[in-house]
C-alpha atoms as a PDB file:
ATOM      1  CA  UNK A   1    -182.070-212.409  17.323  1.00  0.00           C
ATOM      2  CA  UNK A   2    -179.697-209.809  16.022  1.00  0.00           C
ATOM      3  CA  UNK A   3    -182.085-209.119  13.090  1.00  0.00           C
ATOM      4  CA  UNK A   4    -184.842-208.303  15.530  1.00  0.00           C
ATOM      5  CA  UNK A   5    -182.913-205.797  17.431  1.00  0.00           C
ATOM      6  CA  UNK A   6    -181.429-204.109  14.199  1.00  0.00           C
ATOM      7  CA  UNK A   7    -184.942-203.746  13.057  1.00  0.00           C
ATOM      8  CA  UNK A   8    -185.933-202.017  16.139  1.00  0.00           C
ATOM      9  CA  UNK A   9    -182.965-199.736  15.694  1.00  0.00           C
ATOM     10  CA  UNK A  10    -184.001-199.160  12.250  1.00  0.00           C
ATOM     11  CA  UNK A  11    -187.605-198.294  13.332  1.00  0.00           C
ATOM     12  CA  UNK A  12    -186.221-195.803  15.873  1.00  0.00           C
ATOM     13  CA  UNK A  13    -184.098-194.142  13.139  1.00  0.00           C
ATOM     14  CA  UNK A  14    -187.233-193.941  10.742  1.00  0.00           C
ATOM     15  CA  UNK A  15    -189.438-192.528  13.639  1.00  0.00           C
ATOM     16  CA  UNK A  16    -186.706-189.859  14.666  1.00  0.00           C
ATOM     17  CA  UNK A  17    -186.320-188.792  10.919  1.00  0.00           C
ATOM     18  CA  UNK A  18    -190.173-188.409  10.844  1.00  0.00           C
ATOM     19  CA  UNK A  19    -190.284-186.518  13.966  1.00  0.00           C
ATOM     20  CA  UNK A  20    -187.738-183.904  12.579  1.00  0.00           C
ATOM     21  CA  UNK A  21    -190.464-183.189   9.768  1.00  0.00           C
ATOM     22  CA  UNK A  22    -193.247-182.503  12.196  1.00  0.00           C
ATOM     23  CA  UNK A  23    -192.849-178.700  12.790  1.00  0.00           C
ATOM     24  CA  UNK A  24    -196.395-177.428  12.247  1.00  0.00           C
ATOM     25  CA  UNK A  25    -198.258-176.623  15.567  1.00  0.00           C
ATOM     26  CA  UNK A  26    -201.033-179.089  14.582  1.00  0.00           C
ATOM     27  CA  UNK A  27    -198.427-181.877  14.289  1.00  0.00           C
ATOM     28  CA  UNK A  28    -196.921-181.546  17.800  1.00  0.00           C
ATOM     29  CA  UNK A  29    -199.469-184.029  19.401  1.00  0.00           C
ATOM     30  CA  UNK A  30    -198.369-186.616  16.723  1.00  0.00           C
ATOM     31  CA  UNK A  31    -194.729-185.733  17.421  1.00  0.00           C
ATOM     32  CA  UNK A  32    -195.501-186.201  21.067  1.00  0.00           C
ATOM     33  CA  UNK A  33    -197.146-189.746  20.647  1.00  0.00           C
ATOM     34  CA  UNK A  34    -194.151-191.100  18.389  1.00  0.00           C
ATOM     35  CA  UNK A  35    -191.678-189.930  20.951  1.00  0.00           C
ATOM     36  CA  UNK A  36    -193.526-192.053  23.610  1.00  0.00           C
ATOM     37  CA  UNK A  37    -193.562-194.984  21.039  1.00  0.00           C
ATOM     38  CA  UNK A  38    -189.660-194.431  20.802  1.00  0.00           C
ATOM     39  CA  UNK A  39    -189.418-194.312  24.389  1.00  0.00           C
ATOM     40  CA  UNK A  40    -191.233-197.697  24.603  1.00  0.00           C
ATOM     41  CA  UNK A  41    -188.941-199.119  21.933  1.00  0.00           C
ATOM     42  CA  UNK A  42    -185.853-198.075  23.803  1.00  0.00           C
ATOM     43  CA  UNK A  43    -187.033-199.335  27.308  1.00  0.00           C
ATOM     44  CA  UNK A  44    -185.489-202.310  28.720  1.00  0.00           C
ATOM     45  CA  UNK A  45    -189.012-204.082  29.465  1.00  0.00           C
ATOM     46  CA  UNK A  46    -189.654-203.739  25.819  1.00  0.00           C
ATOM     47  CA  UNK A  47    -186.303-205.232  24.709  1.00  0.00           C
ATOM     48  CA  UNK A  48    -186.751-208.119  27.146  1.00  0.00           C
ATOM     49  CA  UNK A  49    -190.238-208.905  25.913  1.00  0.00           C
ATOM     50  CA  UNK A  50    -189.000-208.817  22.443  1.00  0.00           C
ATOM     51  CA  UNK A  51    -186.295-211.147  23.154  1.00  0.00           C
ATOM     52  CA  UNK A  52    -188.576-213.549  25.049  1.00  0.00           C
ATOM     53  CA  UNK A  53    -191.087-213.598  22.344  1.00  0.00           C
ATOM     54  CA  UNK A  54    -188.618-214.015  19.596  1.00  0.00           C
ATOM     55  CA  UNK A  55    -186.899-216.934  21.512  1.00  0.00           C
ATOM     56  CA  UNK A  56    -190.398-218.760  22.065  1.00  0.00           C
ATOM     57  CA  UNK A  57    -191.595-218.137  18.416  1.00  0.00           C
ATOM     58  CA  UNK A  58    -188.202-219.461  16.910  1.00  0.00           C
ATOM     59  CA  UNK A  59    -188.327-222.519  18.947  1.00  0.00           C
ATOM     60  CA  UNK A  60    -191.915-223.164  17.935  1.00  0.00           C
ATOM     61  CA  UNK A  61    -190.787-222.532  14.307  1.00  0.00           C
ATOM     62  CA  UNK A  62    -193.442-219.984  13.820  1.00  0.00           C
ATOM     63  CA  UNK A  63    -191.052-217.226  12.771  1.00  0.00           C
ATOM     64  CA  UNK A  64    -187.745-217.115  11.083  1.00  0.00           C
ATOM     65  CA  UNK A  65    -187.431-213.395  10.940  1.00  0.00           C
ATOM     66  CA  UNK A  66    -189.537-210.848  12.908  1.00  0.00           C
ATOM     67  CA  UNK A  67    -189.350-207.296  12.006  1.00  0.00           C
ATOM     68  CA  UNK A  68    -192.319-205.876  13.878  1.00  0.00           C
ATOM     69  CA  UNK A  69    -190.933-202.558  14.824  1.00  0.00           C
ATOM     70  CA  UNK A  70    -189.668-201.829  11.511  1.00  0.00           C
ATOM     71  CA  UNK A  71    -192.934-203.108   9.961  1.00  0.00           C
ATOM     72  CA  UNK A  72    -194.868-200.511  12.172  1.00  0.00           C
ATOM     73  CA  UNK A  73    -192.696-197.696  11.326  1.00  0.00           C
ATOM     74  CA  UNK A  74    -192.820-198.388   7.301  1.00  0.00           C
ATOM     75  CA  UNK A  75    -196.519-198.731   7.757  1.00  0.00           C
ATOM     76  CA  UNK A  76    -196.770-195.172   9.343  1.00  0.00           C
ATOM     77  CA  UNK A  77    -193.961-193.536   7.435  1.00  0.00           C
ATOM     78  CA  UNK A  78    -193.776-195.476   4.190  1.00  0.00           C
ATOM     79  CA  UNK A  79    -190.732-197.296   2.994  1.00  0.00           C
ATOM     80  CA  UNK A  80    -187.593-195.277   2.537  1.00  0.00           C
ATOM     81  CA  UNK A  81    -186.401-194.476  -0.871  1.00  0.00           C
ATOM     82  CA  UNK A  82    -183.209-196.478  -1.894  1.00  0.00           C
END
């Protein structure tokens, strides 16, 4: 389950980096919404649900690696350049 939580951490880093780029007045509403999402990712409830979902899905064999938070961040922000 470590990969899942590392992906959540990576998503938070990407979202924080993106927020730093939002400086225009018209971007502040988006920045506020992203900060809400970040708060949800950091919440103990989200972490518990994520852990529970991962355990169930892994037991069923439906996933071998889940990176939903990072996938969401990459979808919104694009993949970072290596």
